[in-house]
Amino acid sequence: MANKSTTQMTKAELLELINDKNTIIADLNAKIDDLEGMAVASTAKPIDADVSRLISTMNARIKVLEEKLQE
């Protein structure tokens, strides 16, 4: 179909365009369903800034201790 505006299309052309768009939407919805089926349910909880800083500090301390053990 040439690039016509929707006001220049016949009823049949409009219906064909609608059917094409509905097919695209159905395909995308099927892909979304497939991706949601592949997704792993996450049990992780978001952390706040204080907990994040605490974890970073603890990781740094662990790294220093590991380096000392390797010496």
PDB file of N, CA and C in Angstrom:
ATOM      1  N   MET A   1       0.840  -1.170   0.000  1.00  0.00           N
ATOM      2  CA  MET A   1       0.000   0.000   0.000  1.00  0.00           C
ATOM      3  C   MET A   1       0.893   1.244   0.000  1.00  0.00           C
ATOM      4  N   ALA A   2       0.591   2.180  -0.875  1.00  0.00           N
ATOM      5  CA  ALA A   2       1.359   3.411  -0.943  1.00  0.00           C
ATOM      6  C   ALA A   2       1.096   4.234   0.310  1.00  0.00           C
ATOM      7  N   ASN A   3       1.932   5.203   0.550  1.00  0.00           N
ATOM      8  CA  ASN A   3       1.771   6.038   1.733  1.00  0.00           C
ATOM      9  C   ASN A   3       0.633   7.031   1.540  1.00  0.00           C
ATOM     10  N   LYS A   4      -0.553   6.564   1.757  1.00  0.00           N
ATOM     11  CA  LYS A   4      -1.738   7.426   1.686  1.00  0.00           C
ATOM     12  C   LYS A   4      -2.107   7.835   3.097  1.00  0.00           C
ATOM     13  N   SER A   5      -2.732   8.983   3.218  1.00  0.00           N
ATOM     14  CA  SER A   5      -3.260   9.326   4.532  1.00  0.00           C
ATOM     15  C   SER A   5      -4.543   8.524   4.732  1.00  0.00           C
ATOM     16  N   THR A   6      -4.929   8.348   5.967  1.00  0.00           N
ATOM     17  CA  THR A   6      -6.116   7.540   6.238  1.00  0.00           C
ATOM     18  C   THR A   6      -7.374   8.176   5.672  1.00  0.00           C
ATOM     19  N   THR A   7      -7.354   9.470   5.464  1.00  0.00           N
ATOM     20  CA  THR A   7      -8.541  10.115   4.880  1.00  0.00           C
ATOM     21  C   THR A   7      -8.655   9.844   3.387  1.00  0.00           C
ATOM     22  N   GLN A   8      -7.557   9.404   2.757  1.00  0.00           N
ATOM     23  CA  GLN A   8      -7.578   9.104   1.328  1.00  0.00           C
ATOM     24  C   GLN A   8      -7.821   7.628   1.050  1.00  0.00           C
ATOM     25  N   MET A   9      -7.866   6.793   2.077  1.00  0.00           N
ATOM     26  CA  MET A   9      -8.031   5.359   1.889  1.00  0.00           C
ATOM     27  C   MET A   9      -9.493   4.984   1.749  1.00  0.00           C
ATOM     28  N   THR A  10      -9.698   3.898   1.025  1.00  0.00           N
ATOM     29  CA  THR A  10     -11.057   3.361   0.928  1.00  0.00           C
ATOM     30  C   THR A  10     -11.340   2.564   2.197  1.00  0.00           C
ATOM     31  N   LYS A  11     -12.609   2.224   2.363  1.00  0.00           N
ATOM     32  CA  LYS A  11     -12.997   1.442   3.535  1.00  0.00           C
ATOM     33  C   LYS A  11     -12.259   0.114   3.563  1.00  0.00           C
ATOM     34  N   ALA A  12     -12.133  -0.529   2.420  1.00  0.00           N
ATOM     35  CA  ALA A  12     -11.435  -1.819   2.334  1.00  0.00           C
ATOM     36  C   ALA A  12      -9.964  -1.662   2.716  1.00  0.00           C
ATOM     37  N   GLU A  13      -9.336  -0.577   2.256  1.00  0.00           N
ATOM     38  CA  GLU A  13      -7.936  -0.341   2.597  1.00  0.00           C
ATOM     39  C   GLU A  13      -7.777  -0.090   4.098  1.00  0.00           C
ATOM     40  N   LEU A  14      -8.697   0.647   4.675  1.00  0.00           N
ATOM     41  CA  LEU A  14      -8.649   0.906   6.115  1.00  0.00           C
ATOM     42  C   LEU A  14      -8.808  -0.382   6.912  1.00  0.00           C
ATOM     43  N   LEU A  15      -9.753  -1.233   6.484  1.00  0.00           N
ATOM     44  CA  LEU A  15      -9.949  -2.506   7.174  1.00  0.00           C
ATOM     45  C   LEU A  15      -8.716  -3.400   7.051  1.00  0.00           C
ATOM     46  N   GLU A  16      -8.094  -3.390   5.878  1.00  0.00           N
ATOM     47  CA  GLU A  16      -6.872  -4.177   5.683  1.00  0.00           C
ATOM     48  C   GLU A  16      -5.751  -3.658   6.586  1.00  0.00           C
ATOM     49  N   LEU A  17      -5.632  -2.347   6.681  1.00  0.00           N
ATOM     50  CA  LEU A  17      -4.617  -1.744   7.537  1.00  0.00           C
ATOM     51  C   LEU A  17      -4.862  -2.101   9.008  1.00  0.00           C
ATOM     52  N   ILE A  18      -6.119  -2.041   9.412  1.00  0.00           N
ATOM     53  CA  ILE A  18      -6.477  -2.404  10.793  1.00  0.00           C
ATOM     54  C   ILE A  18      -6.130  -3.861  11.063  1.00  0.00           C
ATOM     55  N   ASN A  19      -6.453  -4.741  10.118  1.00  0.00           N
ATOM     56  CA  ASN A  19      -6.128  -6.167  10.279  1.00  0.00           C
ATOM     57  C   ASN A  19      -4.625  -6.394  10.366  1.00  0.00           C
ATOM     58  N   ASP A  20      -3.862  -5.672   9.538  1.00  0.00           N
ATOM     59  CA  ASP A  20      -2.402  -5.785   9.599  1.00  0.00           C
ATOM     60  C   ASP A  20      -1.881  -5.353  10.967  1.00  0.00           C
ATOM     61  N   LYS A  21      -2.398  -4.233  11.461  1.00  0.00           N
ATOM     62  CA  LYS A  21      -1.956  -3.729  12.770  1.00  0.00           C
ATOM     63  C   LYS A  21      -2.375  -4.681  13.887  1.00  0.00           C
ATOM     64  N   ASN A  22      -3.556  -5.264  13.789  1.00  0.00           N
ATOM     65  CA  ASN A  22      -4.006  -6.230  14.797  1.00  0.00           C
ATOM     66  C   ASN A  22      -3.118  -7.477  14.806  1.00  0.00           C
ATOM     67  N   THR A  23      -2.672  -7.890  13.619  1.00  0.00           N
ATOM     68  CA  THR A  23      -1.765  -9.030  13.521  1.00  0.00           C
ATOM     69  C   THR A  23      -0.432  -8.715  14.192  1.00  0.00           C
ATOM     70  N   ILE A  24       0.084  -7.521  13.947  1.00  0.00           N
ATOM     71  CA  ILE A  24       1.336  -7.093  14.572  1.00  0.00           C
ATOM     72  C   ILE A  24       1.184  -7.064  16.085  1.00  0.00           C
ATOM     73  N   ILE A  25       0.071  -6.519  16.568  1.00  0.00           N
ATOM     74  CA  ILE A  25      -0.182  -6.448  18.010  1.00  0.00           C
ATOM     75  C   ILE A  25      -0.269  -7.849  18.607  1.00  0.00           C
ATOM     76  N   ALA A  26      -0.953  -8.749  17.926  1.00  0.00           N
ATOM     77  CA  ALA A  26      -1.076 -10.125  18.422  1.00  0.00           C
ATOM     78  C   ALA A  26       0.290 -10.799  18.492  1.00  0.00           C
ATOM     79  N   ASP A  27       1.135 -10.588  17.474  1.00  0.00           N
ATOM     80  CA  ASP A  27       2.485 -11.163  17.472  1.00  0.00           C
ATOM     81  C   ASP A  27       3.309 -10.611  18.633  1.00  0.00           C
ATOM     82  N   LEU A  28       3.223  -9.305  18.856  1.00  0.00           N
ATOM     83  CA  LEU A  28       3.977  -8.695  19.946  1.00  0.00           C
ATOM     84  C   LEU A  28       3.484  -9.190  21.303  1.00  0.00           C
ATOM     85  N   ASN A  29       2.177  -9.342  21.441  1.00  0.00           N
ATOM     86  CA  ASN A  29       1.636  -9.864  22.699  1.00  0.00           C
ATOM     87  C   ASN A  29       2.100 -11.293  22.947  1.00  0.00           C
ATOM     88  N   ALA A  30       2.179 -12.090  21.877  1.00  0.00           N
ATOM     89  CA  ALA A  30       2.671 -13.461  22.017  1.00  0.00           C
ATOM     90  C   ALA A  30       4.136 -13.469  22.436  1.00  0.00           C
ATOM     91  N   LYS A  31       4.933 -12.567  21.864  1.00  0.00           N
ATOM     92  CA  LYS A  31       6.347 -12.474  22.244  1.00  0.00           C
ATOM     93  C   LYS A  31       6.480 -12.043  23.703  1.00  0.00           C
ATOM     94  N   ILE A  32       5.642 -11.110  24.132  1.00  0.00           N
ATOM     95  CA  ILE A  32       5.660 -10.668  25.532  1.00  0.00           C
ATOM     96  C   ILE A  32       5.342 -11.845  26.440  1.00  0.00           C
ATOM     97  N   ASP A  33       4.322 -12.616  26.081  1.00  0.00           N
ATOM     98  CA  ASP A  33       3.967 -13.793  26.883  1.00  0.00           C
ATOM     99  C   ASP A  33       5.128 -14.783  26.959  1.00  0.00           C
ATOM    100  N   ASP A  34       5.815 -14.995  25.826  1.00  0.00           N
ATOM    101  CA  ASP A  34       6.967 -15.897  25.814  1.00  0.00           C
ATOM    102  C   ASP A  34       8.070 -15.383  26.727  1.00  0.00           C
ATOM    103  N   LEU A  35       8.358 -14.082  26.643  1.00  0.00           N
ATOM    104  CA  LEU A  35       9.418 -13.508  27.472  1.00  0.00           C
ATOM    105  C   LEU A  35       9.053 -13.553  28.948  1.00  0.00           C
ATOM    106  N   GLU A  36       7.789 -13.299  29.258  1.00  0.00           N
ATOM    107  CA  GLU A  36       7.363 -13.380  30.656  1.00  0.00           C
ATOM    108  C   GLU A  36       7.481 -14.811  31.165  1.00  0.00           C
ATOM    109  N   GLY A  37       7.230 -15.772  30.294  1.00  0.00           N
ATOM    110  CA  GLY A  37       7.369 -17.171  30.683  1.00  0.00           C
ATOM    111  C   GLY A  37       8.813 -17.554  30.943  1.00  0.00           C
ATOM    112  N   MET A  38       9.750 -16.897  30.257  1.00  0.00           N
ATOM    113  CA  MET A  38      11.170 -17.184  30.442  1.00  0.00           C
ATOM    114  C   MET A  38      11.763 -16.454  31.645  1.00  0.00           C
ATOM    115  N   ALA A  39      11.102 -15.426  32.098  1.00  0.00           N
ATOM    116  CA  ALA A  39      11.642 -14.603  33.185  1.00  0.00           C
ATOM    117  C   ALA A  39      11.743 -15.416  34.467  1.00  0.00           C
ATOM    118  N   VAL A  40      12.794 -15.179  35.174  1.00  0.00           N
ATOM    119  CA  VAL A  40      13.004 -15.831  36.457  1.00  0.00           C
ATOM    120  C   VAL A  40      12.399 -14.934  37.527  1.00  0.00           C
ATOM    121  N   ALA A  41      11.609 -15.548  38.376  1.00  0.00           N
ATOM    122  CA  ALA A  41      10.999 -14.765  39.447  1.00  0.00           C
ATOM    123  C   ALA A  41      12.089 -14.333  40.416  1.00  0.00           C
ATOM    124  N   SER A  42      12.175 -13.052  40.635  1.00  0.00           N
ATOM    125  CA  SER A  42      13.203 -12.517  41.519  1.00  0.00           C
ATOM    126  C   SER A  42      12.643 -12.341  42.915  1.00  0.00           C
ATOM    127  N   THR A  43      13.398 -12.834  43.894  1.00  0.00           N
ATOM    128  CA  THR A  43      12.988 -12.641  45.282  1.00  0.00           C
ATOM    129  C   THR A  43      13.830 -11.561  45.941  1.00  0.00           C
ATOM    130  N   ALA A  44      14.691 -10.927  45.167  1.00  0.00           N
ATOM    131  CA  ALA A  44      15.535  -9.865  45.710  1.00  0.00           C
ATOM    132  C   ALA A  44      14.685  -8.649  46.052  1.00  0.00           C
ATOM    133  N   LYS A  45      15.069  -8.028  47.146  1.00  0.00           N
ATOM    134  CA  LYS A  45      14.358  -6.827  47.575  1.00  0.00           C
ATOM    135  C   LYS A  45      15.253  -5.621  47.345  1.00  0.00           C
ATOM    136  N   PRO A  46      14.692  -4.514  46.878  1.00  0.00           N
ATOM    137  CA  PRO A  46      15.513  -3.318  46.703  1.00  0.00           C
ATOM    138  C   PRO A  46      16.023  -2.836  48.064  1.00  0.00           C
ATOM    139  N   ILE A  47      17.235  -2.297  48.054  1.00  0.00           N
ATOM    140  CA  ILE A  47      17.807  -1.832  49.312  1.00  0.00           C
ATOM    141  C   ILE A  47      17.910  -0.311  49.308  1.00  0.00           C
ATOM    142  N   ASP A  48      17.918   0.239  50.495  1.00  0.00           N
ATOM    143  CA  ASP A  48      18.033   1.691  50.583  1.00  0.00           C
ATOM    144  C   ASP A  48      19.510   2.089  50.583  1.00  0.00           C
ATOM    145  N   ALA A  49      19.778   3.383  50.595  1.00  0.00           N
ATOM    146  CA  ALA A  49      21.147   3.889  50.479  1.00  0.00           C
ATOM    147  C   ALA A  49      22.012   3.457  51.658  1.00  0.00           C
ATOM    148  N   ASP A  50      21.465   3.446  52.875  1.00  0.00           N
ATOM    149  CA  ASP A  50      22.249   3.062  54.054  1.00  0.00           C
ATOM    150  C   ASP A  50      22.706   1.611  53.964  1.00  0.00           C
ATOM    151  N   VAL A  51      21.812   0.743  53.589  1.00  0.00           N
ATOM    152  CA  VAL A  51      22.165  -0.671  53.469  1.00  0.00           C
ATOM    153  C   VAL A  51      23.182  -0.859  52.344  1.00  0.00           C
ATOM    154  N   SER A  52      23.018  -0.127  51.269  1.00  0.00           N
ATOM    155  CA  SER A  52      23.953  -0.219  50.156  1.00  0.00           C
ATOM    156  C   SER A  52      25.352   0.204  50.590  1.00  0.00           C
ATOM    157  N   ARG A  53      25.451   1.297  51.350  1.00  0.00           N
ATOM    158  CA  ARG A  53      26.755   1.745  51.852  1.00  0.00           C
ATOM    159  C   ARG A  53      27.355   0.716  52.804  1.00  0.00           C
ATOM    160  N   LEU A  54      26.537   0.132  53.651  1.00  0.00           N
ATOM    161  CA  LEU A  54      27.007  -0.886  54.587  1.00  0.00           C
ATOM    162  C   LEU A  54      27.560  -2.101  53.834  1.00  0.00           C
ATOM    163  N   ILE A  55      26.856  -2.533  52.809  1.00  0.00           N
ATOM    164  CA  ILE A  55      27.306  -3.670  52.011  1.00  0.00           C
ATOM    165  C   ILE A  55      28.618  -3.329  51.303  1.00  0.00           C
ATOM    166  N   SER A  56      28.720  -2.125  50.760  1.00  0.00           N
ATOM    167  CA  SER A  56      29.952  -1.717  50.083  1.00  0.00           C
ATOM    168  C   SER A  56      31.124  -1.691  51.052  1.00  0.00           C
ATOM    169  N   THR A  57      30.895  -1.173  52.255  1.00  0.00           N
ATOM    170  CA  THR A  57      31.943  -1.130  53.279  1.00  0.00           C
ATOM    171  C   THR A  57      32.377  -2.534  53.662  1.00  0.00           C
ATOM    172  N   MET A  58      31.411  -3.411  53.870  1.00  0.00           N
ATOM    173  CA  MET A  58      31.734  -4.785  54.240  1.00  0.00           C
ATOM    174  C   MET A  58      32.492  -5.490  53.118  1.00  0.00           C
ATOM    175  N   ASN A  59      32.105  -5.263  51.880  1.00  0.00           N
ATOM    176  CA  ASN A  59      32.821  -5.864  50.741  1.00  0.00           C
ATOM    177  C   ASN A  59      34.257  -5.371  50.680  1.00  0.00           C
ATOM    178  N   ALA A  60      34.467  -4.081  50.952  1.00  0.00           N
ATOM    179  CA  ALA A  60      35.821  -3.530  50.954  1.00  0.00           C
ATOM    180  C   ALA A  60      36.658  -4.161  52.060  1.00  0.00           C
ATOM    181  N   ARG A  61      36.069  -4.317  53.232  1.00  0.00           N
ATOM    182  CA  ARG A  61      36.798  -4.941  54.345  1.00  0.00           C
ATOM    183  C   ARG A  61      37.150  -6.397  54.030  1.00  0.00           C
ATOM    184  N   ILE A  62      36.212  -7.107  53.444  1.00  0.00           N
ATOM    185  CA  ILE A  62      36.452  -8.508  53.071  1.00  0.00           C
ATOM    186  C   ILE A  62      37.601  -8.589  52.072  1.00  0.00           C
ATOM    187  N   LYS A  63      37.597  -7.674  51.098  1.00  0.00           N
ATOM    188  CA  LYS A  63      38.651  -7.683  50.092  1.00  0.00           C
ATOM    189  C   LYS A  63      40.016  -7.450  50.736  1.00  0.00           C
ATOM    190  N   VAL A  64      40.098  -6.503  51.678  1.00  0.00           N
ATOM    191  CA  VAL A  64      41.360  -6.237  52.376  1.00  0.00           C
ATOM    192  C   VAL A  64      41.810  -7.474  53.140  1.00  0.00           C
ATOM    193  N   LEU A  65      40.892  -8.123  53.833  1.00  0.00           N
ATOM    194  CA  LEU A  65      41.240  -9.332  54.581  1.00  0.00           C
ATOM    195  C   LEU A  65      41.699 -10.452  53.655  1.00  0.00           C
ATOM    196  N   GLU A  66      41.045 -10.597  52.508  1.00  0.00           N
ATOM    197  CA  GLU A  66      41.463 -11.622  51.549  1.00  0.00           C
ATOM    198  C   GLU A  66      42.860 -11.338  51.022  1.00  0.00           C
ATOM    199  N   GLU A  67      43.164 -10.064  50.775  1.00  0.00           N
ATOM    200  CA  GLU A  67      44.496  -9.702  50.297  1.00  0.00           C
ATOM    201  C   GLU A  67      45.554  -9.999  51.359  1.00  0.00           C
ATOM    202  N   LYS A  68      45.209  -9.746  52.624  1.00  0.00           N
ATOM    203  CA  LYS A  68      46.149 -10.050  53.709  1.00  0.00           C
ATOM    204  C   LYS A  68      46.409 -11.553  53.817  1.00  0.00           C
ATOM    205  N   LEU A  69      45.366 -12.341  53.592  1.00  0.00           N
ATOM    206  CA  LEU A  69      45.534 -13.791  53.667  1.00  0.00           C
ATOM    207  C   LEU A  69      46.424 -14.305  52.547  1.00  0.00           C
ATOM    208  N   GLN A  70      46.400 -13.665  51.403  1.00  0.00           N
ATOM    209  CA  GLN A  70      47.191 -14.109  50.254  1.00  0.00           C
ATOM    210  C   GLN A  70      48.655 -13.728  50.396  1.00  0.00           C
ATOM    211  N   GLU A  71      48.973 -12.783  51.267  1.00  0.00           N
ATOM    212  CA  GLU A  71      50.371 -12.343  51.436  1.00  0.00           C
ATOM    213  C   GLU A  71      51.185 -13.331  52.207  1.00  0.00           C
TER     214      GLU A  71
END
